Each structure stands twice: as structure tokens, then as C-alpha cells.
C-alpha atoms as a PDB file:
ATOM      1  CA  MET A   1      38.128   0.462 -36.683  1.00  0.00           C
ATOM      2  CA  ILE A   2      35.261   1.627 -34.519  1.00  0.00           C
ATOM      3  CA  ILE A   3      34.227  -0.289 -31.541  1.00  0.00           C
ATOM      4  CA  SER A   4      30.732   0.435 -30.163  1.00  0.00           C
ATOM      5  CA  LYS A   5      30.283  -0.079 -26.604  1.00  0.00           C
ATOM      6  CA  GLN A   6      27.277  -1.558 -25.380  1.00  0.00           C
ATOM      7  CA  PRO A   7      25.712  -0.513 -22.197  1.00  0.00           C
ATOM      8  CA  THR A   8      26.572  -3.248 -19.529  1.00  0.00           C
ATOM      9  CA  GLN A   9      24.396  -3.765 -16.511  1.00  0.00           C
ATOM     10  CA  LYS A  10      26.218  -1.865 -14.419  1.00  0.00           C
ATOM     11  CA  THR A  11      26.250   1.241 -16.331  1.00  0.00           C
ATOM     12  CA  ARG A  12      22.273   0.696 -16.623  1.00  0.00           C
ATOM     13  CA  GLN A  13      22.141   0.427 -12.810  1.00  0.00           C
ATOM     14  CA  SER A  14      24.250   3.672 -12.423  1.00  0.00           C
ATOM     15  CA  VAL A  15      21.927   5.529 -14.661  1.00  0.00           C
ATOM     16  CA  TRP A  16      18.695   4.089 -12.963  1.00  0.00           C
ATOM     17  CA  ARG A  17      20.356   5.119  -9.286  1.00  0.00           C
ATOM     18  CA  THR A  18      21.014   8.593 -10.973  1.00  0.00           C
ATOM     19  CA  TRP A  19      17.300   8.902 -12.142  1.00  0.00           C
ATOM     20  CA  VAL A  20      16.183   7.401  -8.763  1.00  0.00           C
ATOM     21  CA  GLY A  21      18.102  10.160  -6.852  1.00  0.00           C
ATOM     22  CA  THR A  22      16.695  13.360  -8.519  1.00  0.00           C
ATOM     23  CA  LYS A  23      13.483  15.137  -7.650  1.00  0.00           C
ATOM     24  CA  GLU A  24      11.704  13.100 -10.051  1.00  0.00           C
ATOM     25  CA  ASN A  25      11.369  10.183  -8.057  1.00  0.00           C
ATOM     26  CA  SER A  26       7.936  11.474  -6.427  1.00  0.00           C
ATOM     27  CA  LYS A  27       5.987  11.096  -9.435  1.00  0.00           C
ATOM     28  CA  LEU A  28       3.819   8.182  -9.519  1.00  0.00           C
ATOM     29  CA  ARG A  29       3.348   5.623 -12.053  1.00  0.00           C
ATOM     30  CA  HIS A  30      -0.480   4.282 -13.011  1.00  0.00           C
ATOM     31  CA  VAL A  31       0.113   1.028 -10.945  1.00  0.00           C
ATOM     32  CA  GLU A  32       1.079   2.961  -7.945  1.00  0.00           C
ATOM     33  CA  LYS A  33      -1.891   5.657  -7.849  1.00  0.00           C
ATOM     34  CA  ASP A  34      -4.569   3.164  -8.526  1.00  0.00           C
ATOM     35  CA  VAL A  35      -3.461  -0.175  -6.880  1.00  0.00           C
ATOM     36  CA  LEU A  36      -0.742   0.199  -4.280  1.00  0.00           C
ATOM     37  CA  ILE A  37      -1.842   3.302  -2.637  1.00  0.00           C
ATOM     38  CA  PRO A  38      -5.238   2.235  -2.043  1.00  0.00           C
ATOM     39  CA  GLN A  39      -4.107  -1.317  -0.934  1.00  0.00           C
ATOM     40  CA  ILE A  40      -2.141   0.645   1.729  1.00  0.00           C
ATOM     41  CA  MET A  41      -5.484   2.727   2.228  1.00  0.00           C
ATOM     42  CA  ARG A  42      -7.465  -0.585   2.769  1.00  0.00           C
ATOM     43  CA  GLU A  43      -5.082  -2.033   5.359  1.00  0.00           C
ATOM     44  CA  ARG A  44      -4.992   1.064   7.286  1.00  0.00           C
ATOM     45  CA  ALA A  45      -8.682   1.639   7.116  1.00  0.00           C
ATOM     46  CA  LYS A  46      -9.238  -2.119   8.222  1.00  0.00           C
ATOM     47  CA  GLU A  47      -6.756  -1.307  11.282  1.00  0.00           C
ATOM     48  CA  LEU A  48      -8.342   2.245  12.126  1.00  0.00           C
ATOM     49  CA  CYS A  49     -11.927   0.343  11.837  1.00  0.00           C
ATOM     50  CA  SER A  50     -10.899  -3.061  13.751  1.00  0.00           C
ATOM     51  CA  ASP A  51     -13.825  -2.693  16.316  1.00  0.00           C
ATOM     52  CA  LYS A  52     -16.440  -2.777  13.320  1.00  0.00           C
ATOM     53  CA  VAL A  53     -14.527  -5.341  11.664  1.00  0.00           C
ATOM     54  CA  GLN A  54     -14.424  -7.629  14.510  1.00  0.00           C
ATOM     55  CA  ALA A  55     -18.270  -6.915  15.148  1.00  0.00           C
ATOM     56  CA  PHE A  56     -19.106  -7.888  11.630  1.00  0.00           C
ATOM     57  CA  THR A  57     -16.939 -10.914  11.587  1.00  0.00           C
ATOM     58  CA  LYS A  58     -18.433 -11.951  14.987  1.00  0.00           C
ATOM     59  CA  CYS A  59     -22.188 -11.553  13.557  1.00  0.00           C
ATOM     60  CA  CYS A  60     -21.233 -13.282  10.475  1.00  0.00           C
ATOM     61  CA  GLN A  61     -19.750 -16.452  12.461  1.00  0.00           C
ATOM     62  CA  GLU A  62     -22.719 -16.453  14.663  1.00  0.00           C
ATOM     63  CA  THR A  63     -25.362 -16.372  11.947  1.00  0.00           C
ATOM     64  CA  GLY A  64     -23.978 -18.359   9.052  1.00  0.00           C
ATOM     65  CA  LEU A  65     -25.857 -18.064   5.948  1.00  0.00           C
ATOM     66  CA  LEU A  66     -28.580 -15.913   7.426  1.00  0.00           C
ATOM     67  CA  MET A  67     -25.850 -13.038   7.729  1.00  0.00           C
ATOM     68  CA  VAL A  68     -27.186 -11.173   4.855  1.00  0.00           C
ATOM     69  CA  VAL A  69     -30.011 -10.185   6.809  1.00  0.00           C
ATOM     70  CA  LYS A  70     -29.079 -10.382  10.265  1.00  0.00           C
ATOM     71  CA  CYS A  71     -25.761  -8.413   9.929  1.00  0.00           C
ATOM     72  CA  ARG A  72     -27.029  -5.364   8.385  1.00  0.00           C
ATOM     73  CA  ARG A  73     -26.306  -2.937  10.892  1.00  0.00           C
ATOM     74  CA  GLU A  74     -22.615  -4.376  11.409  1.00  0.00           C
ATOM     75  CA  ASN A  75     -22.391  -4.450   7.584  1.00  0.00           C
ATOM     76  CA  THR A  76     -23.599  -0.693   7.259  1.00  0.00           C
ATOM     77  CA  ALA A  77     -21.362   0.569  10.266  1.00  0.00           C
ATOM     78  CA  LEU A  78     -18.376  -0.960   8.727  1.00  0.00           C
ATOM     79  CA  LYS A  79     -18.922   0.293   5.262  1.00  0.00           C
ATOM     80  CA  ASP A  80     -19.535   3.927   6.406  1.00  0.00           C
ATOM     81  CA  CYS A  81     -16.400   3.584   8.553  1.00  0.00           C
ATOM     82  CA  LEU A  82     -14.135   2.291   5.795  1.00  0.00           C
ATOM     83  CA  VAL A  83     -15.560   4.552   3.051  1.00  0.00           C
ATOM     84  CA  GLY A  84     -15.026   7.362   5.278  1.00  0.00           C
ATOM     85  CA  TYR A  85     -11.364   7.130   5.069  1.00  0.00           C
ATOM     86  CA  TYR A  86     -11.537   5.972   1.503  1.00  0.00           C
ATOM     87  CA  SER A  87     -13.153   9.454   0.603  1.00  0.00           C
ATOM     88  CA  ASP A  88     -10.745  11.555   2.603  1.00  0.00           C
ATOM     89  CA  PRO A  89      -8.196  13.464   0.826  1.00  0.00           C
ATOM     90  CA  LEU A  90      -5.781  13.658   3.588  1.00  0.00           C
ATOM     91  CA  PHE A  91      -5.964  10.097   4.475  1.00  0.00           C
ATOM     92  CA  TYR A  92      -5.088   9.653   0.918  1.00  0.00           C
ATOM     93  CA  GLU A  93      -1.988  12.164   1.241  1.00  0.00           C
ATOM     94  CA  GLU A  94      -0.935  10.225   4.332  1.00  0.00           C
ATOM     95  CA  CYS A  95      -0.790   6.955   2.641  1.00  0.00           C
ATOM     96  CA  LYS A  96       0.923   8.436  -0.290  1.00  0.00           C
ATOM     97  CA  THR A  97       3.775   9.610   1.942  1.00  0.00           C
ATOM     98  CA  GLU A  98       3.871   6.265   3.579  1.00  0.00           C
ATOM     99  CA  TYR A  99       4.235   4.635   0.236  1.00  0.00           C
ATOM    100  CA  LEU A 100       6.657   7.097  -1.263  1.00  0.00           C
ATOM    101  CA  LYS A 101       8.778   6.226   1.905  1.00  0.00           C
ATOM    102  CA  GLN A 102       8.487   2.697   1.435  1.00  0.00           C
ATOM    103  CA  ARG A 103       9.553   2.997  -2.174  1.00  0.00           C
ATOM    104  CA  GLU A 104      12.675   5.130  -1.287  1.00  0.00           C
ATOM    105  CA  GLU A 105      13.781   2.910   1.353  1.00  0.00           C
ATOM    106  CA  TYR A 106      13.355   0.151  -1.226  1.00  0.00           C
ATOM    107  CA  ARG A 107      15.309   1.595  -4.011  1.00  0.00           C
ATOM    108  CA  ALA A 108      18.029   2.598  -1.682  1.00  0.00           C
ATOM    109  CA  THR A 109      18.525  -1.114   0.177  1.00  0.00           C
ATOM    110  CA  GLY A 110      16.789  -3.367  -2.478  1.00  0.00           C
ATOM    111  CA  ILE A 111      14.513  -4.980   0.369  1.00  0.00           C
ATOM    112  CA  LYS A 112      10.972  -5.363   0.503  1.00  0.00           C
ATOM    113  CA  LYS A 113       8.582  -4.043   3.029  1.00  0.00           C
ATOM    114  CA  LYS A 114       7.603  -7.542   4.437  1.00  0.00           C
ATOM    115  CA  ARG A 115      11.336  -8.729   4.434  1.00  0.00           C
ATOM    116  CA  GLN A 116      12.399  -5.812   6.637  1.00  0.00           C
ATOM    117  CA  LYS A 117       9.903  -6.771   9.047  1.00  0.00           C
ATOM    118  CA  VAL A 118      10.935 -10.341   9.077  1.00  0.00           C
ATOM    119  CA  THR A 119      14.452  -9.420   9.261  1.00  0.00           C
ATOM    120  CA  SER A 120      14.115  -6.614  11.796  1.00  0.00           C
ATOM    121  CA  ASN A 121      12.278  -8.994  14.257  1.00  0.00           C
ATOM    122  CA  VAL A 122      14.994 -11.723  14.426  1.00  0.00           C
END
């Protein structure tokens, strides 16, 4: 009598952990390249262009519905600053490296980035 052993949850996890530890873990999936890394780029660019973001926000709050006409200068300055970062290949590589560190830490601990910040402050 032959009994086939079905893979259990633990064996699947150990296989996954083995693969994660290899050099192949630096490969990026489509969603990581096109969604997650650009999301980090947007967040960091907003921080780096914070003075222009604040100027544009202030202008919009002061002018209301006329912001389309009256805040063109602030909007252009903000857009130029953000596009400058978005189109910079070195900035992309920095954000990619940051994402890979976050992903590696998540795979090692199982704790997401936002939860890490909350628990580290407590």
C-alpha cells in the first residue's frame, strides 16, 4: 500500500522561506515595479518638495474655486519639482533599494512597515 504524502502548510512555508533566502529575492514582480516603488517615490518626492506642496495648498485654500487660474505658478513649481524626482533614475534606484529592504524585513519578521512604526513608538 502506497501512501502519498500531501504537502502540509509547514512544508510549504519552509520551501517559501528557502526561496526567499536566495539571491532571487531581489527580482521584482510587475506590481512592485509599477505600483509599490512609484508609491514610495511619490511619498519621498512630496517630502522633498514639501515647501512647494505647502505653497500650493495655501494658495488653493485662499482662492477657492479660482485656484485653477490663480495658482498656476505654484502648481507649475510643484509639478516641476515632482517630475524632476520622478524622472531621475538614481532616485528610482534609491526607492527600489528602500523597498527591497522593507520587503526583506517583512519576509523575515512578518510585520508590515506601518505596524513597525506604531509598535516602535510604544
